[in-house]
Amino acid sequence: MSHTYKIIELVGSSPISSDEAIKNAIESASQSLHHLRWFQVVETRGHLEAGLIAHWQVTIKVGFTLDSD
């Protein structure tokens, strides 16, 4: 069986960690998208306040299979 995949780019955020930012993005996407299969981290960045990490932002690509007839 062959599959066709679609790839979208998302940005998750979290004040806790980069892993939590990824989880937040995937959890949000899974509410409206089906058949999520994989993700790839594209970019990690953060917001600093008073020299401390205040917020994480992680850009990911998410692949999912399209519904078949």
N, C-alpha and C. Protein backbone atom coordinates (compact mmCIF):
# COMPACT_ATOMS: atom_id res chain seq x y z
N MET A 1 0.84 -1.17 0.00
CA MET A 1 0.00 0.00 0.00
C MET A 1 0.88 1.24 0.00
N SER A 2 0.57 2.18 -0.87
CA SER A 2 1.33 3.43 -0.91
C SER A 2 0.53 4.54 -0.24
N HIS A 3 1.22 5.54 0.21
CA HIS A 3 0.60 6.67 0.90
C HIS A 3 1.03 7.98 0.23
N THR A 4 0.17 8.96 0.35
CA THR A 4 0.52 10.33 -0.03
C THR A 4 0.54 11.14 1.25
N TYR A 5 1.61 11.88 1.44
CA TYR A 5 1.78 12.68 2.66
C TYR A 5 1.66 14.16 2.35
N LYS A 6 1.14 14.89 3.30
CA LYS A 6 1.12 16.35 3.24
C LYS A 6 1.99 16.82 4.39
N ILE A 7 2.72 17.91 4.18
CA ILE A 7 3.58 18.48 5.20
C ILE A 7 3.13 19.91 5.49
N ILE A 8 2.99 20.22 6.77
CA ILE A 8 2.66 21.58 7.18
C ILE A 8 3.72 22.06 8.18
N GLU A 9 3.82 23.36 8.32
CA GLU A 9 4.76 23.93 9.27
C GLU A 9 3.97 24.59 10.39
N LEU A 10 4.38 24.32 11.62
CA LEU A 10 3.72 24.86 12.81
C LEU A 10 4.76 25.48 13.74
N VAL A 11 4.31 26.39 14.59
CA VAL A 11 5.16 26.94 15.64
C VAL A 11 4.46 26.72 16.97
N GLY A 12 5.08 25.92 17.83
CA GLY A 12 4.55 25.71 19.18
C GLY A 12 5.31 26.59 20.15
N SER A 13 4.65 26.93 21.26
CA SER A 13 5.31 27.77 22.25
C SER A 13 5.02 27.24 23.65
N SER A 14 5.92 27.58 24.57
CA SER A 14 5.77 27.16 25.97
C SER A 14 6.72 27.95 26.85
N PRO A 15 6.28 28.30 28.05
CA PRO A 15 7.20 28.92 29.01
C PRO A 15 8.04 27.87 29.74
N ILE A 16 7.74 26.58 29.54
CA ILE A 16 8.37 25.51 30.30
C ILE A 16 9.62 24.96 29.63
N SER A 17 9.50 24.52 28.34
CA SER A 17 10.63 23.90 27.66
C SER A 17 10.38 23.82 26.16
N SER A 18 11.44 23.51 25.42
CA SER A 18 11.28 23.32 23.98
C SER A 18 10.48 22.06 23.70
N ASP A 19 10.67 21.01 24.49
CA ASP A 19 9.88 19.78 24.31
C ASP A 19 8.39 20.06 24.52
N GLU A 20 8.08 20.86 25.50
CA GLU A 20 6.68 21.22 25.77
C GLU A 20 6.10 22.04 24.62
N ALA A 21 6.91 22.90 24.02
CA ALA A 21 6.46 23.68 22.87
C ALA A 21 6.11 22.76 21.70
N ILE A 22 6.93 21.72 21.47
CA ILE A 22 6.64 20.74 20.42
C ILE A 22 5.35 20.01 20.73
N LYS A 23 5.21 19.54 21.95
CA LYS A 23 3.98 18.82 22.36
C LYS A 23 2.75 19.69 22.17
N ASN A 24 2.84 20.97 22.52
CA ASN A 24 1.70 21.88 22.36
C ASN A 24 1.29 22.02 20.90
N ALA A 25 2.27 22.14 20.02
CA ALA A 25 1.97 22.27 18.58
C ALA A 25 1.31 21.01 18.05
N ILE A 26 1.83 19.86 18.42
CA ILE A 26 1.27 18.59 17.93
C ILE A 26 -0.12 18.34 18.50
N GLU A 27 -0.32 18.62 19.78
CA GLU A 27 -1.64 18.44 20.39
C GLU A 27 -2.68 19.34 19.72
N SER A 28 -2.31 20.58 19.44
CA SER A 28 -3.24 21.49 18.76
C SER A 28 -3.57 21.01 17.36
N ALA A 29 -2.55 20.57 16.62
CA ALA A 29 -2.76 20.09 15.25
C ALA A 29 -3.63 18.85 15.23
N SER A 30 -3.45 17.97 16.21
CA SER A 30 -4.20 16.71 16.21
C SER A 30 -5.69 16.91 16.46
N GLN A 31 -6.09 18.09 16.91
CA GLN A 31 -7.52 18.37 17.12
C GLN A 31 -8.26 18.55 15.80
N SER A 32 -7.56 18.97 14.76
CA SER A 32 -8.23 19.20 13.47
C SER A 32 -7.65 18.39 12.32
N LEU A 33 -6.46 17.80 12.51
CA LEU A 33 -5.84 16.99 11.46
C LEU A 33 -5.82 15.53 11.89
N HIS A 34 -5.90 14.64 10.91
CA HIS A 34 -5.92 13.21 11.19
C HIS A 34 -4.67 12.55 10.60
N HIS A 35 -4.33 11.39 11.11
CA HIS A 35 -3.26 10.57 10.57
C HIS A 35 -1.89 11.24 10.64
N LEU A 36 -1.62 11.98 11.73
CA LEU A 36 -0.29 12.57 11.92
C LEU A 36 0.72 11.43 12.03
N ARG A 37 1.84 11.53 11.33
CA ARG A 37 2.80 10.44 11.27
C ARG A 37 4.18 10.78 11.82
N TRP A 38 4.64 12.00 11.63
CA TRP A 38 6.00 12.36 12.05
C TRP A 38 6.13 13.86 12.18
N PHE A 39 7.22 14.27 12.83
CA PHE A 39 7.55 15.71 12.89
C PHE A 39 9.05 15.87 12.78
N GLN A 40 9.45 17.05 12.37
CA GLN A 40 10.87 17.42 12.23
C GLN A 40 11.05 18.81 12.80
N VAL A 41 11.99 18.97 13.70
CA VAL A 41 12.29 20.29 14.27
C VAL A 41 13.07 21.09 13.24
N VAL A 42 12.56 22.27 12.91
CA VAL A 42 13.19 23.13 11.92
C VAL A 42 14.00 24.24 12.61
N GLU A 43 13.43 24.79 13.67
CA GLU A 43 14.10 25.92 14.34
C GLU A 43 13.65 25.98 15.80
N THR A 44 14.59 26.32 16.66
CA THR A 44 14.28 26.54 18.07
C THR A 44 14.77 27.93 18.44
N ARG A 45 13.90 28.67 19.09
CA ARG A 45 14.30 30.01 19.53
C ARG A 45 13.59 30.31 20.85
N GLY A 46 14.01 31.36 21.49
CA GLY A 46 13.41 31.70 22.78
C GLY A 46 13.38 33.18 23.02
N HIS A 47 12.59 33.55 24.00
CA HIS A 47 12.45 34.94 24.43
C HIS A 47 13.14 35.06 25.79
N LEU A 48 13.97 36.08 25.93
CA LEU A 48 14.69 36.29 27.18
C LEU A 48 14.14 37.49 27.94
N GLU A 49 14.10 37.35 29.25
CA GLU A 49 13.74 38.46 30.13
C GLU A 49 14.72 38.47 31.29
N ALA A 50 15.38 39.57 31.50
CA ALA A 50 16.37 39.73 32.58
C ALA A 50 17.43 38.65 32.52
N GLY A 51 17.83 38.28 31.29
CA GLY A 51 18.88 37.30 31.13
C GLY A 51 18.47 35.86 31.34
N LEU A 52 17.17 35.61 31.51
CA LEU A 52 16.66 34.25 31.72
C LEU A 52 15.70 33.87 30.60
N ILE A 53 15.63 32.57 30.33
CA ILE A 53 14.68 32.09 29.31
C ILE A 53 13.26 32.25 29.86
N ALA A 54 12.46 33.03 29.14
CA ALA A 54 11.08 33.28 29.56
C ALA A 54 10.08 32.47 28.74
N HIS A 55 10.46 32.14 27.51
CA HIS A 55 9.51 31.49 26.62
C HIS A 55 10.24 30.79 25.49
N TRP A 56 9.80 29.59 25.14
CA TRP A 56 10.35 28.82 24.02
C TRP A 56 9.41 28.86 22.84
N GLN A 57 9.97 28.92 21.64
CA GLN A 57 9.20 28.79 20.40
C GLN A 57 9.94 27.79 19.52
N VAL A 58 9.22 26.77 19.05
CA VAL A 58 9.84 25.74 18.21
C VAL A 58 9.03 25.60 16.93
N THR A 59 9.70 25.76 15.80
CA THR A 59 9.08 25.55 14.50
C THR A 59 9.30 24.10 14.10
N ILE A 60 8.19 23.43 13.73
CA ILE A 60 8.28 22.03 13.31
C ILE A 60 7.55 21.84 11.99
N LYS A 61 7.98 20.84 11.24
CA LYS A 61 7.23 20.36 10.09
C LYS A 61 6.54 19.09 10.53
N VAL A 62 5.26 18.95 10.21
CA VAL A 62 4.49 17.77 10.58
C VAL A 62 3.99 17.11 9.31
N GLY A 63 4.21 15.80 9.22
CA GLY A 63 3.73 15.04 8.07
C GLY A 63 2.54 14.19 8.46
N PHE A 64 1.56 14.13 7.57
CA PHE A 64 0.39 13.28 7.81
C PHE A 64 -0.09 12.71 6.49
N THR A 65 -0.76 11.57 6.58
CA THR A 65 -1.28 10.94 5.38
C THR A 65 -2.64 11.52 5.06
N LEU A 66 -2.93 11.63 3.79
CA LEU A 66 -4.23 12.12 3.33
C LEU A 66 -5.25 11.00 3.44
N ASP A 67 -6.51 11.36 3.68
CA ASP A 67 -7.58 10.37 3.72
C ASP A 67 -7.67 9.68 2.37
N SER A 68 -7.84 8.38 2.39
CA SER A 68 -8.00 7.66 1.13
C SER A 68 -9.48 7.40 0.90
N ASP A 69 -9.85 7.25 -0.36
CA ASP A 69 -11.26 7.04 -0.70
C ASP A 69 -11.76 5.70 -0.25
